[in-house]
């Protein structure tokens, strides 16, 4: 996935950590919980990005092993 998506997920994770820390420091349990939820959502999104990247890596390895290219149209090969 794109570096922009990864940066956005990391920013959301850090915002969640900051929110959770602020909630903890002020004894605001709702704010702390909201921050932890935001952090968890960002972690899940990042895990999805990593999974997509792994799938792309596997596909690239298979293409490389078969001699095909990423943009090769199988109908035009003879």
C-alpha atoms as a PDB file:
ATOM      1  CA  UNK A   1       0.000   0.000   0.000  1.00  0.00           C
ATOM      2  CA  UNK A   2       0.938   3.566  -0.321  1.00  0.00           C
ATOM      3  CA  UNK A   3       3.208   5.361   2.062  1.00  0.00           C
ATOM      4  CA  UNK A   4       0.482   7.980   2.532  1.00  0.00           C
ATOM      5  CA  UNK A   5      -1.888   5.362   3.963  1.00  0.00           C
ATOM      6  CA  UNK A   6       0.782   4.093   6.313  1.00  0.00           C
ATOM      7  CA  UNK A   7       1.598   7.620   7.480  1.00  0.00           C
ATOM      8  CA  UNK A   8      -2.087   8.360   8.039  1.00  0.00           C
ATOM      9  CA  UNK A   9      -2.497   5.176  10.101  1.00  0.00           C
ATOM     10  CA  UNK A  10       0.599   6.008  12.161  1.00  0.00           C
ATOM     11  CA  UNK A  11      -0.688   9.548  12.791  1.00  0.00           C
ATOM     12  CA  UNK A  12      -4.029   8.128  13.934  1.00  0.00           C
ATOM     13  CA  UNK A  13      -2.238   5.677  16.229  1.00  0.00           C
ATOM     14  CA  UNK A  14      -0.145   8.456  17.774  1.00  0.00           C
ATOM     15  CA  UNK A  15      -3.214  10.664  18.225  1.00  0.00           C
ATOM     16  CA  UNK A  16      -4.928   7.784  20.017  1.00  0.00           C
ATOM     17  CA  UNK A  17      -1.914   7.286  22.287  1.00  0.00           C
ATOM     18  CA  UNK A  18      -1.861  10.997  23.109  1.00  0.00           C
ATOM     19  CA  UNK A  19      -5.578  11.011  23.811  1.00  0.00           C
ATOM     20  CA  UNK A  20      -5.270   7.952  26.051  1.00  0.00           C
ATOM     21  CA  UNK A  21      -2.344   9.501  27.919  1.00  0.00           C
ATOM     22  CA  UNK A  22      -4.258  12.755  28.414  1.00  0.00           C
ATOM     23  CA  UNK A  23      -7.238  10.823  29.705  1.00  0.00           C
ATOM     24  CA  UNK A  24      -5.020   8.872  32.083  1.00  0.00           C
ATOM     25  CA  UNK A  25      -3.298  12.029  33.349  1.00  0.00           C
ATOM     26  CA  UNK A  26      -6.593  13.803  34.005  1.00  0.00           C
ATOM     27  CA  UNK A  27      -8.461  10.756  35.341  1.00  0.00           C
ATOM     28  CA  UNK A  28     -10.891  11.065  32.437  1.00  0.00           C
ATOM     29  CA  UNK A  29     -11.729   7.422  31.772  1.00  0.00           C
ATOM     30  CA  UNK A  30     -13.925   8.242  28.763  1.00  0.00           C
ATOM     31  CA  UNK A  31     -11.117  10.135  27.037  1.00  0.00           C
ATOM     32  CA  UNK A  32      -8.655   7.381  27.858  1.00  0.00           C
ATOM     33  CA  UNK A  33     -10.990   4.726  26.439  1.00  0.00           C
ATOM     34  CA  UNK A  34     -11.633   6.812  23.331  1.00  0.00           C
ATOM     35  CA  UNK A  35      -7.881   7.102  22.781  1.00  0.00           C
ATOM     36  CA  UNK A  36      -7.362   3.367  23.192  1.00  0.00           C
ATOM     37  CA  UNK A  37     -10.151   2.662  20.694  1.00  0.00           C
ATOM     38  CA  UNK A  38      -8.624   5.101  18.196  1.00  0.00           C
ATOM     39  CA  UNK A  39      -5.223   3.492  18.678  1.00  0.00           C
ATOM     40  CA  UNK A  40      -6.685   0.009  18.185  1.00  0.00           C
ATOM     41  CA  UNK A  41      -8.471   1.029  14.994  1.00  0.00           C
ATOM     42  CA  UNK A  42      -5.209   2.377  13.596  1.00  0.00           C
ATOM     43  CA  UNK A  43      -3.439  -0.865  14.537  1.00  0.00           C
ATOM     44  CA  UNK A  44      -6.081  -2.920  12.711  1.00  0.00           C
ATOM     45  CA  UNK A  45      -5.799  -0.723   9.621  1.00  0.00           C
ATOM     46  CA  UNK A  46      -2.024  -1.080   9.685  1.00  0.00           C
ATOM     47  CA  UNK A  47      -2.321  -4.859  10.000  1.00  0.00           C
ATOM     48  CA  UNK A  48      -4.549  -4.827   6.909  1.00  0.00           C
ATOM     49  CA  UNK A  49      -1.968  -2.748   5.036  1.00  0.00           C
ATOM     50  CA  UNK A  50       0.760  -5.212   6.036  1.00  0.00           C
ATOM     51  CA  UNK A  51      -1.362  -8.131   4.875  1.00  0.00           C
ATOM     52  CA  UNK A  52      -1.921  -6.481   1.492  1.00  0.00           C
ATOM     53  CA  UNK A  53       1.819  -5.815   1.192  1.00  0.00           C
ATOM     54  CA  UNK A  54       2.553  -9.466   1.984  1.00  0.00           C
ATOM     55  CA  UNK A  55       0.074 -10.584  -0.670  1.00  0.00           C
ATOM     56  CA  UNK A  56       1.769  -8.323  -3.200  1.00  0.00           C
ATOM     57  CA  UNK A  57       5.162  -9.761  -2.237  1.00  0.00           C
ATOM     58  CA  UNK A  58       3.898 -13.318  -2.732  1.00  0.00           C
ATOM     59  CA  UNK A  59       2.364 -12.427  -6.093  1.00  0.00           C
ATOM     60  CA  UNK A  60       5.607 -10.769  -7.201  1.00  0.00           C
ATOM     61  CA  UNK A  61       7.631 -13.824  -6.136  1.00  0.00           C
ATOM     62  CA  UNK A  62       5.327 -16.137  -8.072  1.00  0.00           C
ATOM     63  CA  UNK A  63       5.523 -13.917 -11.154  1.00  0.00           C
ATOM     64  CA  UNK A  64       9.295 -13.837 -10.873  1.00  0.00           C
ATOM     65  CA  UNK A  65       9.498 -17.609 -10.560  1.00  0.00           C
ATOM     66  CA  UNK A  66       7.260 -18.104 -13.591  1.00  0.00           C
ATOM     67  CA  UNK A  67       9.046 -15.511 -15.714  1.00  0.00           C
ATOM     68  CA  UNK A  68       5.909 -13.392 -16.115  1.00  0.00           C
ATOM     69  CA  UNK A  69       5.759  -9.666 -15.517  1.00  0.00           C
ATOM     70  CA  UNK A  70       3.244  -7.730 -13.472  1.00  0.00           C
ATOM     71  CA  UNK A  71       1.666  -6.062 -16.489  1.00  0.00           C
ATOM     72  CA  UNK A  72       1.920  -8.898 -18.944  1.00  0.00           C
ATOM     73  CA  UNK A  73      -1.384  -9.836 -20.564  1.00  0.00           C
ATOM     74  CA  UNK A  74      -1.644 -13.643 -20.675  1.00  0.00           C
ATOM     75  CA  UNK A  75      -3.888 -13.485 -23.767  1.00  0.00           C
ATOM     76  CA  UNK A  76      -1.146 -11.866 -25.871  1.00  0.00           C
ATOM     77  CA  UNK A  77       1.646 -14.313 -24.965  1.00  0.00           C
ATOM     78  CA  UNK A  78       2.263 -17.082 -27.460  1.00  0.00           C
END
